[in-house]
Amino acid sequence: MGFLRHLLSRYQDICIQCHNDPDADTLASALGLYQYLTAHGAKVQIVYGGPVKLNKFNLDLMVRQCQIPIRHVEVLPPAHLLLVVDGQYGEGNVARFDAPAVAVIDHHFQRIPDGDLVLVRSDYQSCATIVWELLKEEGWPVERDERLCVALLYGLYTDTASYADLYCKPDLAMYTSLTGNYPLLERLKKSCLTVEELMITSDALQNHYFDTERCYAIIPAVHCEQVVLGILGDLVIQVDQIRATIAYTESDISYQISIRTCDESIQAERLAAAVCAGVGSGGGRSGKAGGRLFKEALRRQYGEGFDIFAVIKARMDQAVPPEAR
């Protein structure tokens, strides 16, 4: 019995919870689950908590056009099962609500015990891909629903720096399967940068570090979406002296990274693997790659007071050879 069938066999009154300050990936995941569960007779609601309400143009447009029935709550509505998507129950970015039973579907570093209601695939780049696989497992015709296709693809888009850092096989499989001519998706892609993120981009560019011997740049960005890291990398790699860039930002449990290279001797996918070795996961293609460095793994290796910039610089120094003069 598949995971979704297992849920339905035990619960018919389900509340899907997105993480606080929802992004496109958690919204897409919730929509896919909502459609399947309601079609099979379950009573389903989609909620999120936390102090910040949805206020980004692109996400508001996604919610309206894809018809995602999500609402902000301070108290969990009555339900037999709380299903957390794109996050884990008890984590800092998921408002904690008491519930009779809790299930989890997520793609981040696993911090909760295994169980028959827990599905965490940390090697996936988006939670939307996990949901897509679950729906396909049940024979759900995802491709026939344009709204759902757009939502799932946009969730993947925002979690892979505009697909530039897309490397995981299951995520690539969903991208290939669902890609089509979707005007709404193109509109969403062109609405993902807010004025605040424009300021973040400006500050990150001003505060970049340039290694003159190895000709690489490190670009630290205040908390932002993965797509912003891709924009930073694509811009900085155009500088004539720079052979490689790594942009990074902090999330609750990890640091997202985005890598660009323009030198045959420096493969972006190998550089991502080297930077993430032992403390995360990364991959990509020859010129573009991405990954995640998990805080828990970093603490184990470098201690509680680790300096993420120093860690990244040390790993870049080891992986990028000095430029031949």
C-alpha atoms as a PDB file:
ATOM      1  CA  MET A   1       0.000   0.000   0.000  1.00  0.00           C
ATOM      2  CA  GLY A   2       1.338   3.423  -0.975  1.00  0.00           C
ATOM      3  CA  PHE A   3       1.890   6.253   1.505  1.00  0.00           C
ATOM      4  CA  LEU A   4      -1.222   8.193   0.451  1.00  0.00           C
ATOM      5  CA  ARG A   5      -3.437   5.097   0.491  1.00  0.00           C
ATOM      6  CA  HIS A   6      -2.080   4.344   3.938  1.00  0.00           C
ATOM      7  CA  LEU A   7      -3.112   7.805   5.158  1.00  0.00           C
ATOM      8  CA  LEU A   8      -6.589   7.444   3.683  1.00  0.00           C
ATOM      9  CA  SER A   9      -7.059   4.020   5.233  1.00  0.00           C
ATOM     10  CA  ARG A  10      -6.650   5.574   8.688  1.00  0.00           C
ATOM     11  CA  TYR A  11      -7.799   9.199   8.403  1.00  0.00           C
ATOM     12  CA  GLN A  12     -10.601  10.997   6.591  1.00  0.00           C
ATOM     13  CA  ASP A  13     -10.396  14.391   8.330  1.00  0.00           C
ATOM     14  CA  ILE A  14      -7.012  15.873   7.435  1.00  0.00           C
ATOM     15  CA  CYS A  15      -5.400  19.288   7.908  1.00  0.00           C
ATOM     16  CA  ILE A  16      -2.436  19.952   5.607  1.00  0.00           C
ATOM     17  CA  GLN A  17       0.038  22.386   7.171  1.00  0.00           C
ATOM     18  CA  CYS A  18       2.523  24.376   5.105  1.00  0.00           C
ATOM     19  CA  HIS A  19       5.585  25.807   6.815  1.00  0.00           C
ATOM     20  CA  ASN A  20       5.555  29.375   8.102  1.00  0.00           C
ATOM     21  CA  ASP A  21       5.911  32.144   5.495  1.00  0.00           C
ATOM     22  CA  PRO A  22       4.947  29.650   2.745  1.00  0.00           C
ATOM     23  CA  ASP A  23       6.969  29.442  -0.463  1.00  0.00           C
ATOM     24  CA  ALA A  24       6.062  27.989  -3.846  1.00  0.00           C
ATOM     25  CA  ASP A  25       7.305  24.490  -3.017  1.00  0.00           C
ATOM     26  CA  THR A  26       5.169  24.032   0.080  1.00  0.00           C
ATOM     27  CA  LEU A  27       2.132  25.536  -1.686  1.00  0.00           C
ATOM     28  CA  ALA A  28       2.537  23.211  -4.674  1.00  0.00           C
ATOM     29  CA  SER A  29       2.960  20.189  -2.417  1.00  0.00           C
ATOM     30  CA  ALA A  30      -0.154  21.079  -0.443  1.00  0.00           C
ATOM     31  CA  LEU A  31      -2.213  21.516  -3.616  1.00  0.00           C
ATOM     32  CA  GLY A  32      -1.240  18.119  -5.007  1.00  0.00           C
ATOM     33  CA  LEU A  33      -2.116  16.379  -1.755  1.00  0.00           C
ATOM     34  CA  TYR A  34      -5.352  18.344  -1.377  1.00  0.00           C
ATOM     35  CA  GLN A  35      -6.581  17.361  -4.828  1.00  0.00           C
ATOM     36  CA  TYR A  36      -5.870  13.678  -4.336  1.00  0.00           C
ATOM     37  CA  LEU A  37      -7.195  13.374  -0.801  1.00  0.00           C
ATOM     38  CA  THR A  38     -10.414  15.308  -1.450  1.00  0.00           C
ATOM     39  CA  ALA A  39     -11.062  13.306  -4.621  1.00  0.00           C
ATOM     40  CA  HIS A  40     -10.960  10.177  -2.467  1.00  0.00           C
ATOM     41  CA  GLY A  41     -13.553  11.393  -0.013  1.00  0.00           C
ATOM     42  CA  ALA A  42     -11.434  12.965   2.703  1.00  0.00           C
ATOM     43  CA  LYS A  43     -12.307  16.252   4.368  1.00  0.00           C
ATOM     44  CA  VAL A  44      -9.185  18.394   3.851  1.00  0.00           C
ATOM     45  CA  GLN A  45      -8.034  21.890   4.804  1.00  0.00           C
ATOM     46  CA  ILE A  46      -4.761  23.698   4.007  1.00  0.00           C
ATOM     47  CA  VAL A  47      -3.349  26.055   6.637  1.00  0.00           C
ATOM     48  CA  TYR A  48      -0.163  27.738   7.777  1.00  0.00           C
ATOM     49  CA  GLY A  49       0.854  29.558  10.954  1.00  0.00           C
ATOM     50  CA  GLY A  50       3.576  31.897  12.136  1.00  0.00           C
ATOM     51  CA  PRO A  51       3.721  35.685  12.348  1.00  0.00           C
ATOM     52  CA  VAL A  52       4.069  36.405   8.608  1.00  0.00           C
ATOM     53  CA  LYS A  53       1.139  36.195   6.215  1.00  0.00           C
ATOM     54  CA  LEU A  54       1.475  35.642   2.474  1.00  0.00           C
ATOM     55  CA  ASN A  55       2.385  39.000   0.971  1.00  0.00           C
ATOM     56  CA  LYS A  56       4.518  38.321  -2.128  1.00  0.00           C
ATOM     57  CA  PHE A  57       2.976  39.096  -5.490  1.00  0.00           C
ATOM     58  CA  ASN A  58       4.111  35.869  -7.144  1.00  0.00           C
ATOM     59  CA  LEU A  59       2.803  33.658  -4.335  1.00  0.00           C
ATOM     60  CA  ASP A  60      -0.497  35.513  -4.142  1.00  0.00           C
ATOM     61  CA  LEU A  61      -0.831  35.083  -7.908  1.00  0.00           C
ATOM     62  CA  MET A  62       0.005  31.383  -7.602  1.00  0.00           C
ATOM     63  CA  VAL A  63      -2.591  30.868  -4.850  1.00  0.00           C
ATOM     64  CA  ARG A  64      -5.289  32.650  -6.843  1.00  0.00           C
ATOM     65  CA  GLN A  65      -4.588  31.222 -10.302  1.00  0.00           C
ATOM     66  CA  CYS A  66      -3.872  27.654  -9.150  1.00  0.00           C
ATOM     67  CA  GLN A  67      -6.833  27.819  -6.770  1.00  0.00           C
ATOM     68  CA  ILE A  68      -5.002  26.753  -3.609  1.00  0.00           C
ATOM     69  CA  PRO A  69      -7.460  26.990  -0.666  1.00  0.00           C
ATOM     70  CA  ILE A  70      -4.898  27.990   1.967  1.00  0.00           C
ATOM     71  CA  ARG A  71      -5.490  30.201   4.993  1.00  0.00           C
ATOM     72  CA  HIS A  72      -3.481  31.570   7.909  1.00  0.00           C
ATOM     73  CA  VAL A  73      -4.506  30.293  11.355  1.00  0.00           C
ATOM     74  CA  GLU A  74      -3.481  30.830  14.945  1.00  0.00           C
ATOM     75  CA  VAL A  75      -5.385  27.771  16.179  1.00  0.00           C
ATOM     76  CA  LEU A  76      -5.458  24.479  14.319  1.00  0.00           C
ATOM     77  CA  PRO A  77      -8.934  23.595  13.013  1.00  0.00           C
ATOM     78  CA  PRO A  78     -10.346  20.291  14.299  1.00  0.00           C
ATOM     79  CA  ALA A  79      -8.883  17.355  12.360  1.00  0.00           C
ATOM     80  CA  HIS A  80      -7.923  13.740  12.948  1.00  0.00           C
ATOM     81  CA  LEU A  81      -4.549  14.107  11.200  1.00  0.00           C
ATOM     82  CA  LEU A  82      -2.114  17.003  10.802  1.00  0.00           C
ATOM     83  CA  LEU A  83      -0.062  16.510   7.624  1.00  0.00           C
ATOM     84  CA  VAL A  84       3.020  18.763   7.505  1.00  0.00           C
ATOM     85  CA  VAL A  85       4.476  19.344   4.028  1.00  0.00           C
ATOM     86  CA  ASP A  86       7.893  20.773   3.100  1.00  0.00           C
ATOM     87  CA  GLY A  87       8.813  20.950   6.770  1.00  0.00           C
ATOM     88  CA  GLN A  88       8.948  18.794   9.880  1.00  0.00           C
ATOM     89  CA  TYR A  89       6.744  18.869  12.952  1.00  0.00           C
ATOM     90  CA  GLY A  90       8.456  20.677  15.803  1.00  0.00           C
ATOM     91  CA  GLU A  91      10.958  22.539  13.633  1.00  0.00           C
ATOM     92  CA  GLY A  92      11.432  26.281  14.040  1.00  0.00           C
ATOM     93  CA  ASN A  93       9.826  27.177  10.710  1.00  0.00           C
ATOM     94  CA  VAL A  94       6.658  25.142  11.360  1.00  0.00           C
ATOM     95  CA  ALA A  95       4.145  26.577  13.837  1.00  0.00           C
ATOM     96  CA  ARG A  96       3.528  23.931  16.462  1.00  0.00           C
ATOM     97  CA  PHE A  97      -0.085  22.858  16.806  1.00  0.00           C
ATOM     98  CA  ASP A  98      -1.316  20.053  19.034  1.00  0.00           C
ATOM     99  CA  ALA A  99      -2.922  17.316  16.957  1.00  0.00           C
ATOM    100  CA  PRO A 100      -4.246  13.766  17.561  1.00  0.00           C
ATOM    101  CA  ALA A 101      -1.828  12.407  14.935  1.00  0.00           C
ATOM    102  CA  VAL A 102       0.932  13.918  12.799  1.00  0.00           C
ATOM    103  CA  ALA A 103       2.294  12.927   9.389  1.00  0.00           C
ATOM    104  CA  VAL A 104       5.221  14.506   7.529  1.00  0.00           C
ATOM    105  CA  ILE A 105       6.250  14.741   3.876  1.00  0.00           C
ATOM    106  CA  ASP A 106       9.515  16.646   3.441  1.00  0.00           C
ATOM    107  CA  HIS A 107      12.808  16.894   1.545  1.00  0.00           C
ATOM    108  CA  HIS A 108      15.033  18.573   4.143  1.00  0.00           C
ATOM    109  CA  PHE A 109      17.564  17.014   6.519  1.00  0.00           C
ATOM    110  CA  GLN A 110      15.642  14.571   8.697  1.00  0.00           C
ATOM    111  CA  ARG A 111      15.423  15.694  12.329  1.00  0.00           C
ATOM    112  CA  ILE A 112      12.450  13.624  13.491  1.00  0.00           C
ATOM    113  CA  PRO A 113      12.209   9.871  14.145  1.00  0.00           C
ATOM    114  CA  ASP A 114      11.150   7.508  11.366  1.00  0.00           C
ATOM    115  CA  GLY A 115       7.610   6.199  11.390  1.00  0.00           C
ATOM    116  CA  ASP A 116       4.878   4.897   9.146  1.00  0.00           C
ATOM    117  CA  LEU A 117       3.518   8.457   8.846  1.00  0.00           C
ATOM    118  CA  VAL A 118       6.905  10.038   8.097  1.00  0.00           C
ATOM    119  CA  LEU A 119       8.262  10.373   4.569  1.00  0.00           C
ATOM    120  CA  VAL A 120      11.494  12.388   4.355  1.00  0.00           C
ATOM    121  CA  ARG A 121      13.695  12.232   1.266  1.00  0.00           C
ATOM    122  CA  SER A 122      16.606  14.560   1.961  1.00  0.00           C
ATOM    123  CA  ASP A 123      18.277  13.930  -1.393  1.00  0.00           C
ATOM    124  CA  TYR A 124      15.345  15.475  -3.303  1.00  0.00           C
ATOM    125  CA  GLN A 125      15.554  19.112  -4.314  1.00  0.00           C
ATOM    126  CA  SER A 126      11.869  19.863  -3.884  1.00  0.00           C
ATOM    127  CA  CYS A 127       8.991  18.525  -1.839  1.00  0.00           C
ATOM    128  CA  ALA A 128       6.823  18.986  -4.933  1.00  0.00           C
ATOM    129  CA  THR A 129       8.743  16.150  -6.581  1.00  0.00           C
ATOM    130  CA  ILE A 130       7.985  13.804  -3.684  1.00  0.00           C
ATOM    131  CA  VAL A 131       4.292  14.644  -3.950  1.00  0.00           C
ATOM    132  CA  TRP A 132       4.409  14.128  -7.726  1.00  0.00           C
ATOM    133  CA  GLU A 133       5.903  10.669  -7.213  1.00  0.00           C
ATOM    134  CA  LEU A 134       3.261   9.809  -4.612  1.00  0.00           C
ATOM    135  CA  LEU A 135       0.493  10.877  -6.992  1.00  0.00           C
ATOM    136  CA  LYS A 136       1.998   8.891  -9.870  1.00  0.00           C
ATOM    137  CA  GLU A 137       2.275   5.874  -7.571  1.00  0.00           C
ATOM    138  CA  GLU A 138      -1.495   6.040  -7.130  1.00  0.00           C
ATOM    139  CA  GLY A 139      -2.157   6.511 -10.843  1.00  0.00           C
ATOM    140  CA  TRP A 140      -3.289  10.123 -10.402  1.00  0.00           C
ATOM    141  CA  PRO A 141      -3.329  11.894 -13.827  1.00  0.00           C
ATOM    142  CA  VAL A 142      -1.160  14.891 -12.904  1.00  0.00           C
ATOM    143  CA  GLU A 143      -0.478  15.858 -16.528  1.00  0.00           C
ATOM    144  CA  ARG A 144      -4.196  16.410 -17.197  1.00  0.00           C
ATOM    145  CA  ASP A 145      -4.415  19.237 -14.654  1.00  0.00           C
ATOM    146  CA  GLU A 146      -2.652  22.369 -15.918  1.00  0.00           C
ATOM    147  CA  ARG A 147      -3.025  24.200 -12.608  1.00  0.00           C
ATOM    148  CA  LEU A 148      -1.323  21.385 -10.734  1.00  0.00           C
ATOM    149  CA  CYS A 149       1.425  21.069 -13.358  1.00  0.00           C
ATOM    150  CA  VAL A 150       2.144  24.797 -13.096  1.00  0.00           C
ATOM    151  CA  ALA A 151       2.212  24.658  -9.293  1.00  0.00           C
ATOM    152  CA  LEU A 152       4.560  21.663  -9.124  1.00  0.00           C
ATOM    153  CA  LEU A 153       6.905  23.080 -11.759  1.00  0.00           C
ATOM    154  CA  TYR A 154       6.990  26.463 -10.067  1.00  0.00           C
ATOM    155  CA  GLY A 155       7.769  24.851  -6.717  1.00  0.00           C
ATOM    156  CA  LEU A 156      10.701  23.086  -8.356  1.00  0.00           C
ATOM    157  CA  TYR A 157      11.711  26.280 -10.176  1.00  0.00           C
ATOM    158  CA  THR A 158      12.033  28.323  -7.001  1.00  0.00           C
ATOM    159  CA  ASP A 159      13.923  25.587  -5.110  1.00  0.00           C
ATOM    160  CA  THR A 160      16.505  25.067  -7.878  1.00  0.00           C
ATOM    161  CA  ALA A 161      17.497  28.663  -8.753  1.00  0.00           C
ATOM    162  CA  SER A 162      15.252  28.861 -11.820  1.00  0.00           C
ATOM    163  CA  TYR A 163      16.113  25.239 -12.748  1.00  0.00           C
ATOM    164  CA  ALA A 164      19.767  26.296 -13.088  1.00  0.00           C
ATOM    165  CA  ASP A 165      20.770  24.122 -10.100  1.00  0.00           C
ATOM    166  CA  LEU A 166      18.506  21.216 -11.085  1.00  0.00           C
ATOM    167  CA  TYR A 167      20.459  17.965 -10.802  1.00  0.00           C
ATOM    168  CA  CYS A 168      18.591  15.305  -8.777  1.00  0.00           C
ATOM    169  CA  LYS A 169      17.238  12.494 -10.983  1.00  0.00           C
ATOM    170  CA  PRO A 170      13.699  12.397  -9.527  1.00  0.00           C
ATOM    171  CA  ASP A 171      13.401  16.189  -9.806  1.00  0.00           C
ATOM    172  CA  LEU A 172      14.677  16.057 -13.378  1.00  0.00           C
ATOM    173  CA  ALA A 173      12.121  13.331 -14.101  1.00  0.00           C
ATOM    174  CA  MET A 174       9.250  15.505 -12.890  1.00  0.00           C
ATOM    175  CA  TYR A 175      10.555  18.480 -14.854  1.00  0.00           C
ATOM    176  CA  THR A 176      10.740  16.397 -18.040  1.00  0.00           C
ATOM    177  CA  SER A 177       7.333  14.822 -17.495  1.00  0.00           C
ATOM    178  CA  LEU A 178       5.407  18.017 -16.774  1.00  0.00           C
ATOM    179  CA  THR A 179       7.142  20.640 -18.932  1.00  0.00           C
ATOM    180  CA  GLY A 180       4.780  22.283 -21.417  1.00  0.00           C
ATOM    181  CA  ASN A 181       3.484  25.587 -22.707  1.00  0.00           C
ATOM    182  CA  TYR A 182       2.035  27.263 -19.610  1.00  0.00           C
ATOM    183  CA  PRO A 183       1.547  31.058 -19.846  1.00  0.00           C
ATOM    184  CA  LEU A 184       0.848  31.236 -16.107  1.00  0.00           C
ATOM    185  CA  LEU A 185       4.161  29.583 -15.300  1.00  0.00           C
ATOM    186  CA  GLU A 186       5.989  32.131 -17.443  1.00  0.00           C
ATOM    187  CA  ARG A 187       4.159  34.923 -15.615  1.00  0.00           C
ATOM    188  CA  LEU A 188       5.146  33.471 -12.253  1.00  0.00           C
ATOM    189  CA  LYS A 189       8.779  33.126 -13.293  1.00  0.00           C
ATOM    190  CA  LYS A 190       8.920  36.829 -14.112  1.00  0.00           C
ATOM    191  CA  SER A 191       7.404  37.874 -10.776  1.00  0.00           C
ATOM    192  CA  CYS A 192       9.654  36.088  -8.287  1.00  0.00           C
ATOM    193  CA  LEU A 193      11.932  38.958  -7.207  1.00  0.00           C
ATOM    194  CA  THR A 194      10.534  41.393  -4.650  1.00  0.00           C
ATOM    195  CA  VAL A 195      11.814  44.893  -3.920  1.00  0.00           C
ATOM    196  CA  GLU A 196      13.238  43.552  -0.656  1.00  0.00           C
ATOM    197  CA  GLU A 197      15.094  40.817  -2.552  1.00  0.00           C
ATOM    198  CA  LEU A 198      16.417  43.416  -4.954  1.00  0.00           C
ATOM    199  CA  MET A 199      17.963  45.159  -1.937  1.00  0.00           C
ATOM    200  CA  ILE A 200      19.312  41.817  -0.681  1.00  0.00           C
ATOM    201  CA  THR A 201      20.919  41.278  -4.077  1.00  0.00           C
ATOM    202  CA  SER A 202      22.484  44.730  -3.984  1.00  0.00           C
ATOM    203  CA  ASP A 203      23.897  44.186  -0.483  1.00  0.00           C
ATOM    204  CA  ALA A 204      25.220  40.743  -1.396  1.00  0.00           C
ATOM    205  CA  LEU A 205      27.081  42.125  -4.403  1.00  0.00           C
ATOM    206  CA  GLN A 206      28.651  44.862  -2.286  1.00  0.00           C
ATOM    207  CA  ASN A 207      29.744  42.363   0.383  1.00  0.00           C
ATOM    208  CA  HIS A 208      31.191  39.692  -1.893  1.00  0.00           C
ATOM    209  CA  TYR A 209      34.659  38.229  -1.305  1.00  0.00           C
ATOM    210  CA  PHE A 210      37.092  37.819  -4.197  1.00  0.00           C
ATOM    211  CA  ASP A 211      40.078  35.470  -3.987  1.00  0.00           C
ATOM    212  CA  THR A 212      42.762  37.001  -6.186  1.00  0.00           C
ATOM    213  CA  GLU A 213      44.902  33.853  -6.337  1.00  0.00           C
ATOM    214  CA  ARG A 214      42.202  31.365  -7.298  1.00  0.00           C
ATOM    215  CA  CYS A 215      39.850  33.888  -8.930  1.00  0.00           C
ATOM    216  CA  TYR A 216      36.640  32.811  -7.264  1.00  0.00           C
ATOM    217  CA  ALA A 217      33.960  34.869  -5.504  1.00  0.00           C
ATOM    218  CA  ILE A 218      31.938  34.097  -2.380  1.00  0.00           C
ATOM    219  CA  ILE A 219      28.626  35.960  -2.187  1.00  0.00           C
ATOM    220  CA  PRO A 220      26.816  35.884   1.172  1.00  0.00           C
ATOM    221  CA  ALA A 221      23.129  36.812   0.945  1.00  0.00           C
ATOM    222  CA  VAL A 222      20.682  37.561   3.736  1.00  0.00           C
ATOM    223  CA  HIS A 223      17.864  34.985   3.965  1.00  0.00           C
ATOM    224  CA  CYS A 224      16.412  34.713   0.473  1.00  0.00           C
ATOM    225  CA  GLU A 225      14.933  32.250  -1.986  1.00  0.00           C
ATOM    226  CA  GLN A 226      17.147  29.892  -3.985  1.00  0.00           C
ATOM    227  CA  VAL A 227      16.202  31.741  -7.158  1.00  0.00           C
ATOM    228  CA  VAL A 228      17.931  34.882  -5.836  1.00  0.00           C
ATOM    229  CA  LEU A 229      21.163  32.930  -5.346  1.00  0.00           C
ATOM    230  CA  GLY A 230      20.986  31.859  -8.984  1.00  0.00           C
ATOM    231  CA  ILE A 231      20.549  35.457 -10.117  1.00  0.00           C
ATOM    232  CA  LEU A 232      23.590  36.507  -8.070  1.00  0.00           C
ATOM    233  CA  GLY A 233      25.735  33.703  -9.460  1.00  0.00           C
ATOM    234  CA  ASP A 234      24.684  34.315 -13.055  1.00  0.00           C
ATOM    235  CA  LEU A 235      25.596  37.997 -12.706  1.00  0.00           C
ATOM    236  CA  VAL A 236      28.929  37.689 -10.892  1.00  0.00           C
ATOM    237  CA  ILE A 237      30.290  34.909 -13.127  1.00  0.00           C
ATOM    238  CA  GLN A 238      30.266  37.455 -15.962  1.00  0.00           C
ATOM    239  CA  VAL A 239      33.088  39.436 -14.307  1.00  0.00           C
ATOM    240  CA  ASP A 240      36.203  39.015 -16.426  1.00  0.00           C
ATOM    241  CA  GLN A 241      38.579  37.803 -13.677  1.00  0.00           C
ATOM    242  CA  ILE A 242      36.167  35.424 -11.950  1.00  0.00           C
ATOM    243  CA  ARG A 243      36.323  31.710 -12.757  1.00  0.00           C
ATOM    244  CA  ALA A 244      33.860  30.425 -10.147  1.00  0.00           C
ATOM    245  CA  THR A 245      31.218  31.829  -7.811  1.00  0.00           C
ATOM    246  CA  ILE A 246      29.417  30.453  -4.801  1.00  0.00           C
ATOM    247  CA  ALA A 247      26.420  32.329  -3.411  1.00  0.00           C
ATOM    248  CA  TYR A 248      24.890  31.172  -0.161  1.00  0.00           C
ATOM    249  CA  THR A 249      22.055  32.001   2.217  1.00  0.00           C
ATOM    250  CA  GLU A 250      20.916  30.715   5.587  1.00  0.00           C
ATOM    251  CA  SER A 251      17.678  28.879   6.306  1.00  0.00           C
ATOM    252  CA  ASP A 252      16.464  27.363   9.566  1.00  0.00           C
ATOM    253  CA  ILE A 253      18.358  24.080   9.307  1.00  0.00           C
ATOM    254  CA  SER A 254      20.788  24.552   6.423  1.00  0.00           C
ATOM    255  CA  TYR A 255      22.689  26.871   4.113  1.00  0.00           C
ATOM    256  CA  GLN A 256      21.604  26.869   0.492  1.00  0.00           C
ATOM    257  CA  ILE A 257      24.409  27.287  -2.052  1.00  0.00           C
ATOM    258  CA  SER A 258      24.454  28.087  -5.758  1.00  0.00           C
ATOM    259  CA  ILE A 259      27.607  27.654  -7.849  1.00  0.00           C
ATOM    260  CA  ARG A 260      28.630  28.944 -11.269  1.00  0.00           C
ATOM    261  CA  THR A 261      31.869  28.275 -13.166  1.00  0.00           C
ATOM    262  CA  CYS A 262      33.296  29.315 -16.531  1.00  0.00           C
ATOM    263  CA  ASP A 263      36.629  27.466 -16.591  1.00  0.00           C
ATOM    264  CA  GLU A 264      37.074  23.977 -18.027  1.00  0.00           C
ATOM    265  CA  SER A 265      39.354  23.067 -15.123  1.00  0.00           C
ATOM    266  CA  ILE A 266      36.582  23.786 -12.600  1.00  0.00           C
ATOM    267  CA  GLN A 267      33.432  21.699 -13.022  1.00  0.00           C
ATOM    268  CA  ALA A 268      30.523  23.187 -11.067  1.00  0.00           C
ATOM    269  CA  GLU A 269      29.053  19.797 -10.172  1.00  0.00           C
ATOM    270  CA  ARG A 270      32.388  18.585  -8.759  1.00  0.00           C
ATOM    271  CA  LEU A 271      32.870  21.850  -6.906  1.00  0.00           C
ATOM    272  CA  ALA A 272      29.408  21.511  -5.334  1.00  0.00           C
ATOM    273  CA  ALA A 273      30.176  17.950  -4.287  1.00  0.00           C
ATOM    274  CA  ALA A 274      33.470  19.068  -2.726  1.00  0.00           C
ATOM    275  CA  VAL A 275      31.925  21.968  -0.821  1.00  0.00           C
ATOM    276  CA  CYS A 276      29.094  19.765   0.478  1.00  0.00           C
ATOM    277  CA  ALA A 277      31.172  16.656   1.203  1.00  0.00           C
ATOM    278  CA  GLY A 278      30.309  15.194   4.606  1.00  0.00           C
ATOM    279  CA  VAL A 279      28.000  18.036   5.616  1.00  0.00           C
ATOM    280  CA  GLY A 280      25.311  18.128   2.945  1.00  0.00           C
ATOM    281  CA  SER A 281      24.455  17.241  -0.629  1.00  0.00           C
ATOM    282  CA  GLY A 282      25.145  18.927  -3.940  1.00  0.00           C
ATOM    283  CA  GLY A 283      25.363  18.396  -7.659  1.00  0.00           C
ATOM    284  CA  GLY A 284      24.509  19.850 -11.032  1.00  0.00           C
ATOM    285  CA  ARG A 285      26.125  20.310 -14.412  1.00  0.00           C
ATOM    286  CA  SER A 286      29.503  21.478 -15.684  1.00  0.00           C
ATOM    287  CA  GLY A 287      28.775  25.203 -15.358  1.00  0.00           C
ATOM    288  CA  LYS A 288      25.923  25.376 -12.841  1.00  0.00           C
ATOM    289  CA  ALA A 289      25.277  23.520  -9.599  1.00  0.00           C
ATOM    290  CA  GLY A 290      23.719  23.846  -6.181  1.00  0.00           C
ATOM    291  CA  GLY A 291      23.367  22.161  -2.850  1.00  0.00           C
ATOM    292  CA  ARG A 292      22.724  22.385   0.865  1.00  0.00           C
ATOM    293  CA  LEU A 293      25.022  22.405   3.907  1.00  0.00           C
ATOM    294  CA  PHE A 294      23.137  21.137   6.956  1.00  0.00           C
ATOM    295  CA  LYS A 295      23.769  22.971  10.219  1.00  0.00           C
ATOM    296  CA  GLU A 296      23.629  19.821  12.317  1.00  0.00           C
ATOM    297  CA  ALA A 297      26.345  18.170  10.215  1.00  0.00           C
ATOM    298  CA  LEU A 298      28.428  21.371  10.286  1.00  0.00           C
ATOM    299  CA  ARG A 299      28.231  21.480  14.093  1.00  0.00           C
ATOM    300  CA  ARG A 300      29.380  17.882  14.340  1.00  0.00           C
ATOM    301  CA  GLN A 301      32.426  18.585  12.193  1.00  0.00           C
ATOM    302  CA  TYR A 302      33.345  22.153  13.164  1.00  0.00           C
ATOM    303  CA  GLY A 303      31.778  22.682  16.592  1.00  0.00           C
ATOM    304  CA  GLU A 304      28.910  24.837  17.817  1.00  0.00           C
ATOM    305  CA  GLY A 305      30.578  28.154  16.952  1.00  0.00           C
ATOM    306  CA  PHE A 306      31.413  27.389  13.329  1.00  0.00           C
ATOM    307  CA  ASP A 307      31.806  30.297  10.892  1.00  0.00           C
ATOM    308  CA  ILE A 308      29.998  29.402   7.672  1.00  0.00           C
ATOM    309  CA  PHE A 309      32.012  31.853   5.581  1.00  0.00           C
ATOM    310  CA  ALA A 310      35.282  30.374   6.904  1.00  0.00           C
ATOM    311  CA  VAL A 311      34.013  26.846   6.204  1.00  0.00           C
ATOM    312  CA  ILE A 312      33.044  27.679   2.634  1.00  0.00           C
ATOM    313  CA  LYS A 313      36.296  29.566   1.996  1.00  0.00           C
ATOM    314  CA  ALA A 314      38.414  26.688   3.292  1.00  0.00           C
ATOM    315  CA  ARG A 315      36.561  24.218   1.097  1.00  0.00           C
ATOM    316  CA  MET A 316      36.784  26.492  -1.938  1.00  0.00           C
ATOM    317  CA  ASP A 317      40.529  26.966  -1.363  1.00  0.00           C
ATOM    318  CA  GLN A 318      40.947  23.189  -1.328  1.00  0.00           C
ATOM    319  CA  ALA A 319      38.767  22.554  -4.391  1.00  0.00           C
ATOM    320  CA  VAL A 320      39.726  25.452  -6.691  1.00  0.00           C
ATOM    321  CA  PRO A 321      43.346  25.408  -7.915  1.00  0.00           C
ATOM    322  CA  PRO A 322      45.259  28.673  -8.273  1.00  0.00           C
ATOM    323  CA  GLU A 323      44.929  30.212 -11.700  1.00  0.00           C
ATOM    324  CA  ALA A 324      47.863  29.548 -14.015  1.00  0.00           C
ATOM    325  CA  ARG A 325      49.661  32.819 -14.662  1.00  0.00           C
END
